[in-house]
Amino acid sequence: MQLIYKICSQDAWQEAEKAGCFTGAAIDIEDGFIHFSSAAQVAETARLHFAGQTDLVLVAVDTSSLDIVWEESRGGQLFPHLYGILPMSAVHEVVPMPLQADGSHALPDALVCA
């Protein structure tokens, strides 16, 4: 199983759960695809794009049933993108990302060392 990760607001994720799928956050809809990060990219994505934001969740997604496209983005790195909707059946885990005392977001231990 290969996991990729989506950071989004708790409210947006609750709406997705009610709908039975995630169609994307505003930036995803604007860009035409859902932005994800690899395990090694999550901390930097949180720092650059979600600094100081509270009520975030980290959604771990199993790519085995999805058509993920890896495309060049920030600093020439390849990032996973989904051109379509994210079904709840592909979601492996959802964990909160509280702010820590230093202003960074708490990440699961497995991602801190990634």
PDB file of N, CA and C in Angstrom:
ATOM      1  N   MET A   1       0.848  -1.182   0.000  1.00  0.00           N
ATOM      2  CA  MET A   1       0.000   0.000   0.000  1.00  0.00           C
ATOM      3  C   MET A   1       0.891   1.242   0.000  1.00  0.00           C
ATOM      4  N   GLN A   2       0.652   2.133  -0.941  1.00  0.00           N
ATOM      5  CA  GLN A   2       1.358   3.411  -0.963  1.00  0.00           C
ATOM      6  C   GLN A   2       0.393   4.493  -0.504  1.00  0.00           C
ATOM      7  N   LEU A   3       0.823   5.260   0.494  1.00  0.00           N
ATOM      8  CA  LEU A   3      -0.013   6.327   1.020  1.00  0.00           C
ATOM      9  C   LEU A   3       0.475   7.680   0.531  1.00  0.00           C
ATOM     10  N   ILE A   4      -0.492   8.554   0.241  1.00  0.00           N
ATOM     11  CA  ILE A   4      -0.233   9.968   0.000  1.00  0.00           C
ATOM     12  C   ILE A   4      -1.123  10.727   0.962  1.00  0.00           C
ATOM     13  N   TYR A   5      -0.899  12.034   1.078  1.00  0.00           N
ATOM     14  CA  TYR A   5      -1.540  12.785   2.149  1.00  0.00           C
ATOM     15  C   TYR A   5      -2.157  14.082   1.657  1.00  0.00           C
ATOM     16  N   LYS A   6      -3.330  14.390   2.226  1.00  0.00           N
ATOM     17  CA  LYS A   6      -4.035  15.636   1.950  1.00  0.00           C
ATOM     18  C   LYS A   6      -4.225  16.364   3.260  1.00  0.00           C
ATOM     19  N   ILE A   7      -3.862  17.636   3.279  1.00  0.00           N
ATOM     20  CA  ILE A   7      -4.119  18.492   4.436  1.00  0.00           C
ATOM     21  C   ILE A   7      -5.337  19.332   4.096  1.00  0.00           C
ATOM     22  N   CYS A   8      -6.314  19.343   4.981  1.00  0.00           N
ATOM     23  CA  CYS A   8      -7.478  20.202   4.755  1.00  0.00           C
ATOM     24  C   CYS A   8      -8.125  20.562   6.086  1.00  0.00           C
ATOM     25  N   SER A   9      -9.056  21.488   6.018  1.00  0.00           N
ATOM     26  CA  SER A   9      -9.741  21.913   7.240  1.00  0.00           C
ATOM     27  C   SER A   9     -10.661  20.791   7.722  1.00  0.00           C
ATOM     28  N   GLN A  10     -10.859  20.763   9.001  1.00  0.00           N
ATOM     29  CA  GLN A  10     -11.737  19.770   9.596  1.00  0.00           C
ATOM     30  C   GLN A  10     -13.153  19.931   9.040  1.00  0.00           C
ATOM     31  N   ASP A  11     -13.603  21.172   8.848  1.00  0.00           N
ATOM     32  CA  ASP A  11     -14.941  21.421   8.303  1.00  0.00           C
ATOM     33  C   ASP A  11     -15.078  20.862   6.889  1.00  0.00           C
ATOM     34  N   ALA A  12     -14.068  21.108   6.041  1.00  0.00           N
ATOM     35  CA  ALA A  12     -14.110  20.604   4.663  1.00  0.00           C
ATOM     36  C   ALA A  12     -14.148  19.084   4.663  1.00  0.00           C
ATOM     37  N   TRP A  13     -13.399  18.466   5.566  1.00  0.00           N
ATOM     38  CA  TRP A  13     -13.379  17.013   5.602  1.00  0.00           C
ATOM     39  C   TRP A  13     -14.712  16.456   6.099  1.00  0.00           C
ATOM     40  N   GLN A  14     -15.311  17.099   7.085  1.00  0.00           N
ATOM     41  CA  GLN A  14     -16.615  16.645   7.568  1.00  0.00           C
ATOM     42  C   GLN A  14     -17.661  16.722   6.452  1.00  0.00           C
ATOM     43  N   GLU A  15     -17.601  17.771   5.646  1.00  0.00           N
ATOM     44  CA  GLU A  15     -18.514  17.891   4.503  1.00  0.00           C
ATOM     45  C   GLU A  15     -18.279  16.760   3.507  1.00  0.00           C
ATOM     46  N   ALA A  16     -17.017  16.436   3.269  1.00  0.00           N
ATOM     47  CA  ALA A  16     -16.682  15.352   2.353  1.00  0.00           C
ATOM     48  C   ALA A  16     -17.229  14.022   2.868  1.00  0.00           C
ATOM     49  N   GLU A  17     -17.080  13.786   4.157  1.00  0.00           N
ATOM     50  CA  GLU A  17     -17.593  12.548   4.732  1.00  0.00           C
ATOM     51  C   GLU A  17     -19.108  12.458   4.567  1.00  0.00           C
ATOM     52  N   LYS A  18     -19.802  13.568   4.764  1.00  0.00           N
ATOM     53  CA  LYS A  18     -21.256  13.593   4.581  1.00  0.00           C
ATOM     54  C   LYS A  18     -21.620  13.303   3.131  1.00  0.00           C
ATOM     55  N   ALA A  19     -20.840  13.862   2.205  1.00  0.00           N
ATOM     56  CA  ALA A  19     -21.112  13.700   0.772  1.00  0.00           C
ATOM     57  C   ALA A  19     -20.689  12.323   0.256  1.00  0.00           C
ATOM     58  N   GLY A  20     -19.786  11.665   0.976  1.00  0.00           N
ATOM     59  CA  GLY A  20     -19.301  10.366   0.549  1.00  0.00           C
ATOM     60  C   GLY A  20     -18.102  10.432  -0.377  1.00  0.00           C
ATOM     61  N   CYS A  21     -17.605  11.650  -0.621  1.00  0.00           N
ATOM     62  CA  CYS A  21     -16.407  11.838  -1.445  1.00  0.00           C
ATOM     63  C   CYS A  21     -15.855  13.237  -1.199  1.00  0.00           C
ATOM     64  N   PHE A  22     -14.594  13.426  -1.563  1.00  0.00           N
ATOM     65  CA  PHE A  22     -13.936  14.730  -1.433  1.00  0.00           C
ATOM     66  C   PHE A  22     -13.675  15.249  -2.838  1.00  0.00           C
ATOM     67  N   THR A  23     -14.243  16.409  -3.143  1.00  0.00           N
ATOM     68  CA  THR A  23     -14.075  16.997  -4.477  1.00  0.00           C
ATOM     69  C   THR A  23     -12.954  18.022  -4.509  1.00  0.00           C
ATOM     70  N   GLY A  24     -12.403  18.342  -3.333  1.00  0.00           N
ATOM     71  CA  GLY A  24     -11.268  19.249  -3.259  1.00  0.00           C
ATOM     72  C   GLY A  24     -11.556  20.506  -2.473  1.00  0.00           C
ATOM     73  N   ALA A  25     -10.485  21.112  -2.003  1.00  0.00           N
ATOM     74  CA  ALA A  25     -10.558  22.418  -1.356  1.00  0.00           C
ATOM     75  C   ALA A  25     -10.601  23.471  -2.463  1.00  0.00           C
ATOM     76  N   ALA A  26     -10.755  24.722  -2.090  1.00  0.00           N
ATOM     77  CA  ALA A  26     -10.859  25.807  -3.082  1.00  0.00           C
ATOM     78  C   ALA A  26      -9.686  25.806  -4.056  1.00  0.00           C
ATOM     79  N   ILE A  27      -8.463  25.641  -3.556  1.00  0.00           N
ATOM     80  CA  ILE A  27      -7.279  25.647  -4.428  1.00  0.00           C
ATOM     81  C   ILE A  27      -7.295  24.458  -5.385  1.00  0.00           C
ATOM     82  N   ASP A  28      -7.798  23.321  -4.924  1.00  0.00           N
ATOM     83  CA  ASP A  28      -7.886  22.133  -5.770  1.00  0.00           C
ATOM     84  C   ASP A  28      -8.874  22.373  -6.915  1.00  0.00           C
ATOM     85  N   ILE A  29     -10.024  22.904  -6.569  1.00  0.00           N
ATOM     86  CA  ILE A  29     -11.057  23.178  -7.571  1.00  0.00           C
ATOM     87  C   ILE A  29     -10.542  24.193  -8.589  1.00  0.00           C
ATOM     88  N   GLU A  30      -9.862  25.219  -8.100  1.00  0.00           N
ATOM     89  CA  GLU A  30      -9.288  26.244  -8.984  1.00  0.00           C
ATOM     90  C   GLU A  30      -8.246  25.644  -9.938  1.00  0.00           C
ATOM     91  N   ASP A  31      -7.412  24.744  -9.430  1.00  0.00           N
ATOM     92  CA  ASP A  31      -6.339  24.161 -10.244  1.00  0.00           C
ATOM     93  C   ASP A  31      -6.796  22.976 -11.100  1.00  0.00           C
ATOM     94  N   GLY A  32      -7.962  22.420 -10.800  1.00  0.00           N
ATOM     95  CA  GLY A  32      -8.491  21.320 -11.600  1.00  0.00           C
ATOM     96  C   GLY A  32      -8.038  19.937 -11.166  1.00  0.00           C
ATOM     97  N   PHE A  33      -7.419  19.837 -10.009  1.00  0.00           N
ATOM     98  CA  PHE A  33      -6.991  18.551  -9.464  1.00  0.00           C
ATOM     99  C   PHE A  33      -6.819  18.683  -7.961  1.00  0.00           C
ATOM    100  N   ILE A  34      -6.843  17.546  -7.269  1.00  0.00           N
ATOM    101  CA  ILE A  34      -6.646  17.554  -5.823  1.00  0.00           C
ATOM    102  C   ILE A  34      -5.156  17.407  -5.554  1.00  0.00           C
ATOM    103  N   HIS A  35      -4.621  18.356  -4.796  1.00  0.00           N
ATOM    104  CA  HIS A  35      -3.213  18.357  -4.405  1.00  0.00           C
ATOM    105  C   HIS A  35      -2.989  17.392  -3.242  1.00  0.00           C
ATOM    106  N   PHE A  36      -1.958  16.585  -3.352  1.00  0.00           N
ATOM    107  CA  PHE A  36      -1.532  15.709  -2.266  1.00  0.00           C
ATOM    108  C   PHE A  36      -0.035  15.908  -2.045  1.00  0.00           C
ATOM    109  N   SER A  37       0.465  15.322  -0.979  1.00  0.00           N
ATOM    110  CA  SER A  37       1.894  15.301  -0.691  1.00  0.00           C
ATOM    111  C   SER A  37       2.308  13.880  -0.366  1.00  0.00           C
ATOM    112  N   SER A  38       3.566  13.573  -0.626  1.00  0.00           N
ATOM    113  CA  SER A  38       4.124  12.304  -0.165  1.00  0.00           C
ATOM    114  C   SER A  38       4.440  12.455   1.322  1.00  0.00           C
ATOM    115  N   ALA A  39       4.789  11.357   1.953  1.00  0.00           N
ATOM    116  CA  ALA A  39       5.147  11.404   3.374  1.00  0.00           C
ATOM    117  C   ALA A  39       6.290  12.390   3.617  1.00  0.00           C
ATOM    118  N   ALA A  40       7.271  12.400   2.729  1.00  0.00           N
ATOM    119  CA  ALA A  40       8.429  13.274   2.891  1.00  0.00           C
ATOM    120  C   ALA A  40       8.099  14.746   2.639  1.00  0.00           C
ATOM    121  N   GLN A  41       6.969  15.036   2.016  1.00  0.00           N
ATOM    122  CA  GLN A  41       6.611  16.411   1.659  1.00  0.00           C
ATOM    123  C   GLN A  41       5.600  17.056   2.601  1.00  0.00           C
ATOM    124  N   VAL A  42       4.961  16.286   3.454  1.00  0.00           N
ATOM    125  CA  VAL A  42       3.861  16.801   4.273  1.00  0.00           C
ATOM    126  C   VAL A  42       4.281  17.956   5.177  1.00  0.00           C
ATOM    127  N   ALA A  43       5.365  17.816   5.904  1.00  0.00           N
ATOM    128  CA  ALA A  43       5.782  18.864   6.849  1.00  0.00           C
ATOM    129  C   ALA A  43       6.034  20.188   6.126  1.00  0.00           C
ATOM    130  N   GLU A  44       6.702  20.140   4.990  1.00  0.00           N
ATOM    131  CA  GLU A  44       6.991  21.364   4.237  1.00  0.00           C
ATOM    132  C   GLU A  44       5.711  21.952   3.648  1.00  0.00           C
ATOM    133  N   THR A  45       4.818  21.122   3.181  1.00  0.00           N
ATOM    134  CA  THR A  45       3.531  21.604   2.668  1.00  0.00           C
ATOM    135  C   THR A  45       2.766  22.316   3.780  1.00  0.00           C
ATOM    136  N   ALA A  46       2.742  21.724   4.953  1.00  0.00           N
ATOM    137  CA  ALA A  46       2.056  22.347   6.091  1.00  0.00           C
ATOM    138  C   ALA A  46       2.696  23.691   6.429  1.00  0.00           C
ATOM    139  N   ARG A  47       4.009  23.742   6.437  1.00  0.00           N
ATOM    140  CA  ARG A  47       4.716  24.973   6.779  1.00  0.00           C
ATOM    141  C   ARG A  47       4.461  26.071   5.743  1.00  0.00           C
ATOM    142  N   LEU A  48       4.509  25.717   4.479  1.00  0.00           N
ATOM    143  CA  LEU A  48       4.371  26.723   3.422  1.00  0.00           C
ATOM    144  C   LEU A  48       2.942  27.178   3.169  1.00  0.00           C
ATOM    145  N   HIS A  49       2.002  26.264   3.270  1.00  0.00           N
ATOM    146  CA  HIS A  49       0.642  26.578   2.835  1.00  0.00           C
ATOM    147  C   HIS A  49      -0.410  26.625   3.941  1.00  0.00           C
ATOM    148  N   PHE A  50      -0.059  26.170   5.147  1.00  0.00           N
ATOM    149  CA  PHE A  50      -1.045  26.102   6.218  1.00  0.00           C
ATOM    150  C   PHE A  50      -0.536  26.702   7.533  1.00  0.00           C
ATOM    151  N   ALA A  51       0.510  27.497   7.476  1.00  0.00           N
ATOM    152  CA  ALA A  51       1.122  28.069   8.684  1.00  0.00           C
ATOM    153  C   ALA A  51       0.083  28.785   9.542  1.00  0.00           C
ATOM    154  N   GLY A  52       0.064  28.430  10.815  1.00  0.00           N
ATOM    155  CA  GLY A  52      -0.794  29.093  11.781  1.00  0.00           C
ATOM    156  C   GLY A  52      -2.254  28.681  11.736  1.00  0.00           C
ATOM    157  N   GLN A  53      -2.637  27.866  10.789  1.00  0.00           N
ATOM    158  CA  GLN A  53      -4.043  27.457  10.683  1.00  0.00           C
ATOM    159  C   GLN A  53      -4.369  26.374  11.702  1.00  0.00           C
ATOM    160  N   THR A  54      -5.501  26.533  12.308  1.00  0.00           N
ATOM    161  CA  THR A  54      -5.969  25.548  13.282  1.00  0.00           C
ATOM    162  C   THR A  54      -7.054  24.690  12.649  1.00  0.00           C
ATOM    163  N   ASP A  55      -7.478  23.683  13.351  1.00  0.00           N
ATOM    164  CA  ASP A  55      -8.551  22.786  12.908  1.00  0.00           C
ATOM    165  C   ASP A  55      -8.250  22.096  11.584  1.00  0.00           C
ATOM    166  N   LEU A  56      -7.012  21.671  11.405  1.00  0.00           N
ATOM    167  CA  LEU A  56      -6.637  20.932  10.200  1.00  0.00           C
ATOM    168  C   LEU A  56      -6.617  19.435  10.481  1.00  0.00           C
ATOM    169  N   VAL A  57      -6.846  18.667   9.426  1.00  0.00           N
ATOM    170  CA  VAL A  57      -6.694  17.220   9.509  1.00  0.00           C
ATOM    171  C   VAL A  57      -5.750  16.771   8.407  1.00  0.00           C
ATOM    172  N   LEU A  58      -5.110  15.654   8.663  1.00  0.00           N
ATOM    173  CA  LEU A  58      -4.241  15.020   7.679  1.00  0.00           C
ATOM    174  C   LEU A  58      -4.933  13.734   7.243  1.00  0.00           C
ATOM    175  N   VAL A  59      -5.220  13.655   5.955  1.00  0.00           N
ATOM    176  CA  VAL A  59      -5.929  12.510   5.399  1.00  0.00           C
ATOM    177  C   VAL A  59      -4.921  11.623   4.678  1.00  0.00           C
ATOM    178  N   ALA A  60      -4.773  10.401   5.152  1.00  0.00           N
ATOM    179  CA  ALA A  60      -3.896   9.424   4.512  1.00  0.00           C
ATOM    180  C   ALA A  60      -4.725   8.648   3.499  1.00  0.00           C
ATOM    181  N   VAL A  61      -4.239   8.604   2.266  1.00  0.00           N
ATOM    182  CA  VAL A  61      -4.989   8.018   1.160  1.00  0.00           C
ATOM    183  C   VAL A  61      -4.184   6.884   0.535  1.00  0.00           C
ATOM    184  N   ASP A  62      -4.835   5.746   0.366  1.00  0.00           N
ATOM    185  CA  ASP A  62      -4.234   4.589  -0.300  1.00  0.00           C
ATOM    186  C   ASP A  62      -4.392   4.780  -1.809  1.00  0.00           C
ATOM    187  N   THR A  63      -3.289   4.803  -2.514  1.00  0.00           N
ATOM    188  CA  THR A  63      -3.311   5.082  -3.947  1.00  0.00           C
ATOM    189  C   THR A  63      -3.679   3.887  -4.820  1.00  0.00           C
ATOM    190  N   SER A  64      -3.820   2.699  -4.244  1.00  0.00           N
ATOM    191  CA  SER A  64      -3.968   1.487  -5.054  1.00  0.00           C
ATOM    192  C   SER A  64      -5.184   1.497  -5.980  1.00  0.00           C
ATOM    193  N   SER A  65      -6.237   2.204  -5.628  1.00  0.00           N
ATOM    194  CA  SER A  65      -7.432   2.226  -6.477  1.00  0.00           C
ATOM    195  C   SER A  65      -7.610   3.557  -7.210  1.00  0.00           C
ATOM    196  N   LEU A  66      -6.587   4.415  -7.156  1.00  0.00           N
ATOM    197  CA  LEU A  66      -6.694   5.746  -7.750  1.00  0.00           C
ATOM    198  C   LEU A  66      -5.717   5.922  -8.901  1.00  0.00           C
ATOM    199  N   ASP A  67      -6.071   6.792  -9.816  1.00  0.00           N
ATOM    200  CA  ASP A  67      -5.186   7.129 -10.935  1.00  0.00           C
ATOM    201  C   ASP A  67      -4.432   8.411 -10.558  1.00  0.00           C
ATOM    202  N   ILE A  68      -3.353   8.249  -9.816  1.00  0.00           N
ATOM    203  CA  ILE A  68      -2.561   9.381  -9.335  1.00  0.00           C
ATOM    204  C   ILE A  68      -1.528   9.765 -10.404  1.00  0.00           C
ATOM    205  N   VAL A  69      -1.407  11.069 -10.627  1.00  0.00           N
ATOM    206  CA  VAL A  69      -0.421  11.593 -11.567  1.00  0.00           C
ATOM    207  C   VAL A  69       0.623  12.342 -10.743  1.00  0.00           C
ATOM    208  N   TRP A  70       1.892  11.979 -10.927  1.00  0.00           N
ATOM    209  CA  TRP A  70       2.986  12.653 -10.222  1.00  0.00           C
ATOM    210  C   TRP A  70       3.527  13.732 -11.154  1.00  0.00           C
ATOM    211  N   GLU A  71       3.402  15.000 -10.707  1.00  0.00           N
ATOM    212  CA  GLU A  71       3.791  16.117 -11.561  1.00  0.00           C
ATOM    213  C   GLU A  71       4.766  17.041 -10.845  1.00  0.00           C
ATOM    214  N   GLU A  72       5.623  17.638 -11.628  1.00  0.00           N
ATOM    215  CA  GLU A  72       6.642  18.543 -11.082  1.00  0.00           C
ATOM    216  C   GLU A  72       5.982  19.792 -10.525  1.00  0.00           C
ATOM    217  N   SER A  73       6.459  20.197  -9.367  1.00  0.00           N
ATOM    218  CA  SER A  73       5.943  21.392  -8.708  1.00  0.00           C
ATOM    219  C   SER A  73       7.089  22.036  -7.941  1.00  0.00           C
ATOM    220  N   ARG A  74       6.829  22.424  -6.728  1.00  0.00           N
ATOM    221  CA  ARG A  74       7.758  23.161  -5.881  1.00  0.00           C
ATOM    222  C   ARG A  74       9.183  22.615  -5.943  1.00  0.00           C
ATOM    223  N   GLY A  75      10.116  23.434  -6.408  1.00  0.00           N
ATOM    224  CA  GLY A  75      11.528  23.069  -6.420  1.00  0.00           C
ATOM    225  C   GLY A  75      11.856  21.875  -7.297  1.00  0.00           C
ATOM    226  N   GLY A  76      11.024  21.606  -8.286  1.00  0.00           N
ATOM    227  CA  GLY A  76      11.275  20.481  -9.173  1.00  0.00           C
ATOM    228  C   GLY A  76      10.844  19.130  -8.619  1.00  0.00           C
ATOM    229  N   GLN A  77      10.275  19.119  -7.408  1.00  0.00           N
ATOM    230  CA  GLN A  77       9.814  17.862  -6.815  1.00  0.00           C
ATOM    231  C   GLN A  77       8.563  17.358  -7.522  1.00  0.00           C
ATOM    232  N   LEU A  78       8.385  16.058  -7.524  1.00  0.00           N
ATOM    233  CA  LEU A  78       7.166  15.464  -8.054  1.00  0.00           C
ATOM    234  C   LEU A  78       6.138  15.346  -6.936  1.00  0.00           C
ATOM    235  N   PHE A  79       4.939  15.859  -7.197  1.00  0.00           N
ATOM    236  CA  PHE A  79       3.852  15.808  -6.226  1.00  0.00           C
ATOM    237  C   PHE A  79       2.698  14.993  -6.797  1.00  0.00           C
ATOM    238  N   PRO A  80       2.001  14.255  -5.940  1.00  0.00           N
ATOM    239  CA  PRO A  80       0.860  13.471  -6.397  1.00  0.00           C
ATOM    240  C   PRO A  80      -0.392  14.335  -6.569  1.00  0.00           C
ATOM    241  N   HIS A  81      -1.060  14.160  -7.709  1.00  0.00           N
ATOM    242  CA  HIS A  81      -2.290  14.885  -8.008  1.00  0.00           C
ATOM    243  C   HIS A  81      -3.357  13.889  -8.441  1.00  0.00           C
ATOM    244  N   LEU A  82      -4.588  14.196  -8.102  1.00  0.00           N
ATOM    245  CA  LEU A  82      -5.730  13.385  -8.517  1.00  0.00           C
ATOM    246  C   LEU A  82      -6.661  14.253  -9.345  1.00  0.00           C
ATOM    247  N   TYR A  83      -6.832  13.880 -10.594  1.00  0.00           N
ATOM    248  CA  TYR A  83      -7.752  14.573 -11.485  1.00  0.00           C
ATOM    249  C   TYR A  83      -9.102  13.876 -11.406  1.00  0.00           C
ATOM    250  N   GLY A  84      -9.859  14.213 -10.403  1.00  0.00           N
ATOM    251  CA  GLY A  84     -11.154  13.593 -10.168  1.00  0.00           C
ATOM    252  C   GLY A  84     -11.507  13.710  -8.702  1.00  0.00           C
ATOM    253  N   ILE A  85     -12.476  12.943  -8.287  1.00  0.00           N
ATOM    254  CA  ILE A  85     -12.907  12.993  -6.893  1.00  0.00           C
ATOM    255  C   ILE A  85     -12.214  11.901  -6.088  1.00  0.00           C
ATOM    256  N   LEU A  86     -12.101  12.149  -4.812  1.00  0.00           N
ATOM    257  CA  LEU A  86     -11.510  11.178  -3.893  1.00  0.00           C
ATOM    258  C   LEU A  86     -12.634  10.424  -3.196  1.00  0.00           C
ATOM    259  N   PRO A  87     -12.782   9.131  -3.497  1.00  0.00           N
ATOM    260  CA  PRO A  87     -13.820   8.360  -2.803  1.00  0.00           C
ATOM    261  C   PRO A  87     -13.380   8.022  -1.379  1.00  0.00           C
ATOM    262  N   MET A  88     -14.320   7.948  -0.479  1.00  0.00           N
ATOM    263  CA  MET A  88     -14.003   7.622   0.909  1.00  0.00           C
ATOM    264  C   MET A  88     -13.379   6.231   1.026  1.00  0.00           C
ATOM    265  N   SER A  89     -13.647   5.362   0.079  1.00  0.00           N
ATOM    266  CA  SER A  89     -13.087   4.013   0.123  1.00  0.00           C
ATOM    267  C   SER A  89     -11.562   4.010   0.013  1.00  0.00           C
ATOM    268  N   ALA A  90     -10.972   5.084  -0.509  1.00  0.00           N
ATOM    269  CA  ALA A  90      -9.514   5.167  -0.634  1.00  0.00           C
ATOM    270  C   ALA A  90      -8.852   5.761   0.612  1.00  0.00           C
ATOM    271  N   VAL A  91      -9.652   6.248   1.538  1.00  0.00           N
ATOM    272  CA  VAL A  91      -9.107   6.896   2.742  1.00  0.00           C
ATOM    273  C   VAL A  91      -8.678   5.832   3.748  1.00  0.00           C
ATOM    274  N   HIS A  92      -7.424   5.903   4.126  1.00  0.00           N
ATOM    275  CA  HIS A  92      -6.856   4.944   5.075  1.00  0.00           C
ATOM    276  C   HIS A  92      -7.021   5.427   6.515  1.00  0.00           C
ATOM    277  N   GLU A  93      -6.807   6.726   6.727  1.00  0.00           N
ATOM    278  CA  GLU A  93      -6.828   7.279   8.086  1.00  0.00           C
ATOM    279  C   GLU A  93      -6.955   8.797   8.016  1.00  0.00           C
ATOM    280  N   VAL A  94      -7.592   9.372   9.032  1.00  0.00           N
ATOM    281  CA  VAL A  94      -7.701  10.827   9.164  1.00  0.00           C
ATOM    282  C   VAL A  94      -7.265  11.172  10.580  1.00  0.00           C
ATOM    283  N   VAL A  95      -6.264  12.052  10.697  1.00  0.00           N
ATOM    284  CA  VAL A  95      -5.765  12.426  12.023  1.00  0.00           C
ATOM    285  C   VAL A  95      -5.720  13.951  12.154  1.00  0.00           C
ATOM    286  N   PRO A  96      -5.964  14.462  13.351  1.00  0.00           N
ATOM    287  CA  PRO A  96      -5.878  15.899  13.564  1.00  0.00           C
ATOM    288  C   PRO A  96      -4.435  16.391  13.466  1.00  0.00           C
ATOM    289  N   MET A  97      -4.280  17.666  13.101  1.00  0.00           N
ATOM    290  CA  MET A  97      -2.958  18.304  12.999  1.00  0.00           C
ATOM    291  C   MET A  97      -2.930  19.566  13.882  1.00  0.00           C
ATOM    292  N   PRO A  98      -2.940  19.391  15.193  1.00  0.00           N
ATOM    293  CA  PRO A  98      -2.944  20.566  16.066  1.00  0.00           C
ATOM    294  C   PRO A  98      -1.648  21.362  15.954  1.00  0.00           C
ATOM    295  N   LEU A  99      -1.749  22.651  16.264  1.00  0.00           N
ATOM    296  CA  LEU A  99      -0.549  23.488  16.308  1.00  0.00           C
ATOM    297  C   LEU A  99       0.232  23.172  17.572  1.00  0.00           C
ATOM    298  N   GLN A 100       1.546  23.104  17.433  1.00  0.00           N
ATOM    299  CA  GLN A 100       2.427  22.891  18.577  1.00  0.00           C
ATOM    300  C   GLN A 100       2.906  24.245  19.101  1.00  0.00           C
ATOM    301  N   ALA A 101       3.583  24.248  20.220  1.00  0.00           N
ATOM    302  CA  ALA A 101       4.063  25.480  20.850  1.00  0.00           C
ATOM    303  C   ALA A 101       4.948  26.303  19.915  1.00  0.00           C
ATOM    304  N   ASP A 102       5.713  25.634  19.034  1.00  0.00           N
ATOM    305  CA  ASP A 102       6.606  26.358  18.124  1.00  0.00           C
ATOM    306  C   ASP A 102       5.890  26.857  16.863  1.00  0.00           C
ATOM    307  N   GLY A 103       4.571  26.608  16.759  1.00  0.00           N
ATOM    308  CA  GLY A 103       3.799  27.084  15.618  1.00  0.00           C
ATOM    309  C   GLY A 103       3.701  26.093  14.474  1.00  0.00           C
ATOM    310  N   SER A 104       4.445  24.994  14.561  1.00  0.00           N
ATOM    311  CA  SER A 104       4.345  23.963  13.523  1.00  0.00           C
ATOM    312  C   SER A 104       3.169  23.047  13.847  1.00  0.00           C
ATOM    313  N   HIS A 105       2.755  22.281  12.857  1.00  0.00           N
ATOM    314  CA  HIS A 105       1.663  21.340  13.059  1.00  0.00           C
ATOM    315  C   HIS A 105       2.207  19.992  13.519  1.00  0.00           C
ATOM    316  N   ALA A 106       1.498  19.390  14.455  1.00  0.00           N
ATOM    317  CA  ALA A 106       1.857  18.053  14.903  1.00  0.00           C
ATOM    318  C   ALA A 106       1.530  17.065  13.804  1.00  0.00           C
ATOM    319  N   LEU A 107       2.484  16.176  13.548  1.00  0.00           N
ATOM    320  CA  LEU A 107       2.333  15.129  12.537  1.00  0.00           C
ATOM    321  C   LEU A 107       2.503  13.772  13.185  1.00  0.00           C
ATOM    322  N   PRO A 108       1.874  12.753  12.605  1.00  0.00           N
ATOM    323  CA  PRO A 108       2.100  11.391  13.142  1.00  0.00           C
ATOM    324  C   PRO A 108       3.585  11.061  13.140  1.00  0.00           C
ATOM    325  N   ASP A 109       4.032  10.290  14.106  1.00  0.00           N
ATOM    326  CA  ASP A 109       5.451   9.934  14.245  1.00  0.00           C
ATOM    327  C   ASP A 109       6.049   9.382  12.963  1.00  0.00           C
ATOM    328  N   ALA A 110       5.300   8.593  12.231  1.00  0.00           N
ATOM    329  CA  ALA A 110       5.817   7.980  10.998  1.00  0.00           C
ATOM    330  C   ALA A 110       6.186   9.031   9.964  1.00  0.00           C
ATOM    331  N   LEU A 111       5.578  10.203  10.005  1.00  0.00           N
ATOM    332  CA  LEU A 111       5.857  11.248   9.028  1.00  0.00           C
ATOM    333  C   LEU A 111       6.958  12.198   9.478  1.00  0.00           C
ATOM    334  N   VAL A 112       7.165  12.291  10.770  1.00  0.00           N
ATOM    335  CA  VAL A 112       8.190  13.193  11.292  1.00  0.00           C
ATOM    336  C   VAL A 112       9.569  12.775  10.800  1.00  0.00           C
ATOM    337  N   CYS A 113       9.783  11.489  10.675  1.00  0.00           N
ATOM    338  CA  CYS A 113      11.082  10.978  10.249  1.00  0.00           C
ATOM    339  C   CYS A 113      11.164  10.725   8.750  1.00  0.00           C
ATOM    340  N   ALA A 114      10.083  10.953   8.038  1.00  0.00           N
ATOM    341  CA  ALA A 114      10.045  10.643   6.590  1.00  0.00           C
ATOM    342  C   ALA A 114      10.938  11.583   5.804  1.00  0.00           C
TER     343      ALA A 114
END
